[in-house]
């Protein structure tokens, strides 16, 4: 099964939280309510700078994905 790059998620135990799941490397879940991130990758210190840049870009893309999805719902 091929997953989309980003998936929106919510949970009744966290009623105000909205999660964006990034399914490609570097895999993570960001909670847009408080901007906390749960990483699902182990980062080597050797690759830290490159991965940090890539991760920052992925987080920006996750936020943009959320904004685009919400705009679609609001226009319906």
C-alpha atoms as a PDB file:
ATOM      1  CA  UNK A   1       0.000   0.000   0.000  1.00  0.00           C
ATOM      2  CA  UNK A   2       1.310   3.428  -0.883  1.00  0.00           C
ATOM      3  CA  UNK A   3       0.637   6.067   1.751  1.00  0.00           C
ATOM      4  CA  UNK A   4       0.277   9.773   1.057  1.00  0.00           C
ATOM      5  CA  UNK A   5       3.169  11.922   2.255  1.00  0.00           C
ATOM      6  CA  UNK A   6       0.963  13.667   4.848  1.00  0.00           C
ATOM      7  CA  UNK A   7      -2.078  12.441   6.785  1.00  0.00           C
ATOM      8  CA  UNK A   8      -4.320  14.497   9.090  1.00  0.00           C
ATOM      9  CA  UNK A   9      -5.283  12.946  12.399  1.00  0.00           C
ATOM     10  CA  UNK A  10      -7.236  13.714  15.534  1.00  0.00           C
ATOM     11  CA  UNK A  11      -8.093  11.899  18.736  1.00  0.00           C
ATOM     12  CA  UNK A  12     -10.963  12.300  21.201  1.00  0.00           C
ATOM     13  CA  UNK A  13      -8.487  12.146  24.097  1.00  0.00           C
ATOM     14  CA  UNK A  14      -6.877  15.338  22.754  1.00  0.00           C
ATOM     15  CA  UNK A  15      -9.943  17.307  21.590  1.00  0.00           C
ATOM     16  CA  UNK A  16      -8.065  20.506  20.695  1.00  0.00           C
ATOM     17  CA  UNK A  17      -5.125  18.829  18.977  1.00  0.00           C
ATOM     18  CA  UNK A  18      -4.729  18.331  15.264  1.00  0.00           C
ATOM     19  CA  UNK A  19      -1.965  16.020  14.128  1.00  0.00           C
ATOM     20  CA  UNK A  20      -0.134  15.905  10.822  1.00  0.00           C
ATOM     21  CA  UNK A  21       1.611  12.600  10.187  1.00  0.00           C
ATOM     22  CA  UNK A  22       4.594  12.662   7.824  1.00  0.00           C
ATOM     23  CA  UNK A  23       4.997   9.163   6.365  1.00  0.00           C
ATOM     24  CA  UNK A  24       8.269   9.631   4.477  1.00  0.00           C
ATOM     25  CA  UNK A  25      11.796  10.103   5.799  1.00  0.00           C
ATOM     26  CA  UNK A  26      12.180  11.710   8.275  1.00  0.00           C
ATOM     27  CA  UNK A  27       8.978  10.257   9.704  1.00  0.00           C
ATOM     28  CA  UNK A  28       7.233  12.247  12.426  1.00  0.00           C
ATOM     29  CA  UNK A  29       3.937  13.409  13.858  1.00  0.00           C
ATOM     30  CA  UNK A  30       3.484  17.087  14.642  1.00  0.00           C
ATOM     31  CA  UNK A  31       0.799  18.310  17.027  1.00  0.00           C
ATOM     32  CA  UNK A  32      -0.296  21.647  15.576  1.00  0.00           C
ATOM     33  CA  UNK A  33      -1.981  22.667  18.827  1.00  0.00           C
ATOM     34  CA  UNK A  34       1.348  23.100  20.600  1.00  0.00           C
ATOM     35  CA  UNK A  35       3.946  22.382  17.876  1.00  0.00           C
ATOM     36  CA  UNK A  36       5.340  19.298  19.600  1.00  0.00           C
ATOM     37  CA  UNK A  37       6.959  16.680  17.392  1.00  0.00           C
ATOM     38  CA  UNK A  38       7.290  12.946  17.837  1.00  0.00           C
ATOM     39  CA  UNK A  39      10.115  11.602  15.660  1.00  0.00           C
ATOM     40  CA  UNK A  40      10.137   8.046  14.326  1.00  0.00           C
ATOM     41  CA  UNK A  41      13.724   8.142  13.098  1.00  0.00           C
ATOM     42  CA  UNK A  42      17.071   7.855  14.830  1.00  0.00           C
ATOM     43  CA  UNK A  43      19.390  10.644  13.766  1.00  0.00           C
ATOM     44  CA  UNK A  44      23.133  10.030  13.652  1.00  0.00           C
ATOM     45  CA  UNK A  45      25.292  12.882  14.871  1.00  0.00           C
ATOM     46  CA  UNK A  46      27.245  12.586  11.620  1.00  0.00           C
ATOM     47  CA  UNK A  47      24.173  13.468   9.525  1.00  0.00           C
ATOM     48  CA  UNK A  48      22.646  15.881  12.044  1.00  0.00           C
ATOM     49  CA  UNK A  49      22.988  19.125  10.017  1.00  0.00           C
ATOM     50  CA  UNK A  50      21.574  17.697   6.789  1.00  0.00           C
ATOM     51  CA  UNK A  51      18.725  15.959   8.588  1.00  0.00           C
ATOM     52  CA  UNK A  52      17.922  19.056  10.626  1.00  0.00           C
ATOM     53  CA  UNK A  53      17.494  21.086   7.454  1.00  0.00           C
ATOM     54  CA  UNK A  54      15.427  18.360   5.815  1.00  0.00           C
ATOM     55  CA  UNK A  55      13.286  17.991   8.943  1.00  0.00           C
ATOM     56  CA  UNK A  56      12.639  21.722   9.172  1.00  0.00           C
ATOM     57  CA  UNK A  57      11.515  21.720   5.538  1.00  0.00           C
ATOM     58  CA  UNK A  58       9.210  18.745   6.184  1.00  0.00           C
ATOM     59  CA  UNK A  59       7.614  20.517   9.165  1.00  0.00           C
ATOM     60  CA  UNK A  60       6.950  23.608   7.042  1.00  0.00           C
ATOM     61  CA  UNK A  61       5.397  21.366   4.379  1.00  0.00           C
ATOM     62  CA  UNK A  62       3.235  19.665   7.034  1.00  0.00           C
ATOM     63  CA  UNK A  63       1.898  23.020   8.177  1.00  0.00           C
ATOM     64  CA  UNK A  64       1.221  24.083   4.583  1.00  0.00           C
ATOM     65  CA  UNK A  65      -0.553  20.756   3.960  1.00  0.00           C
ATOM     66  CA  UNK A  66      -2.807  21.397   6.955  1.00  0.00           C
ATOM     67  CA  UNK A  67      -3.605  24.938   5.804  1.00  0.00           C
ATOM     68  CA  UNK A  68      -4.483  23.676   2.308  1.00  0.00           C
ATOM     69  CA  UNK A  69      -6.703  20.903   3.651  1.00  0.00           C
ATOM     70  CA  UNK A  70      -8.560  23.243   6.001  1.00  0.00           C
ATOM     71  CA  UNK A  71      -9.110  25.716   3.172  1.00  0.00           C
ATOM     72  CA  UNK A  72     -10.696  22.919   1.104  1.00  0.00           C
ATOM     73  CA  UNK A  73     -13.114  22.060   3.922  1.00  0.00           C
ATOM     74  CA  UNK A  74     -14.035  25.689   4.479  1.00  0.00           C
ATOM     75  CA  UNK A  75     -14.803  26.254   0.788  1.00  0.00           C
ATOM     76  CA  UNK A  76     -17.268  23.344   0.647  1.00  0.00           C
END
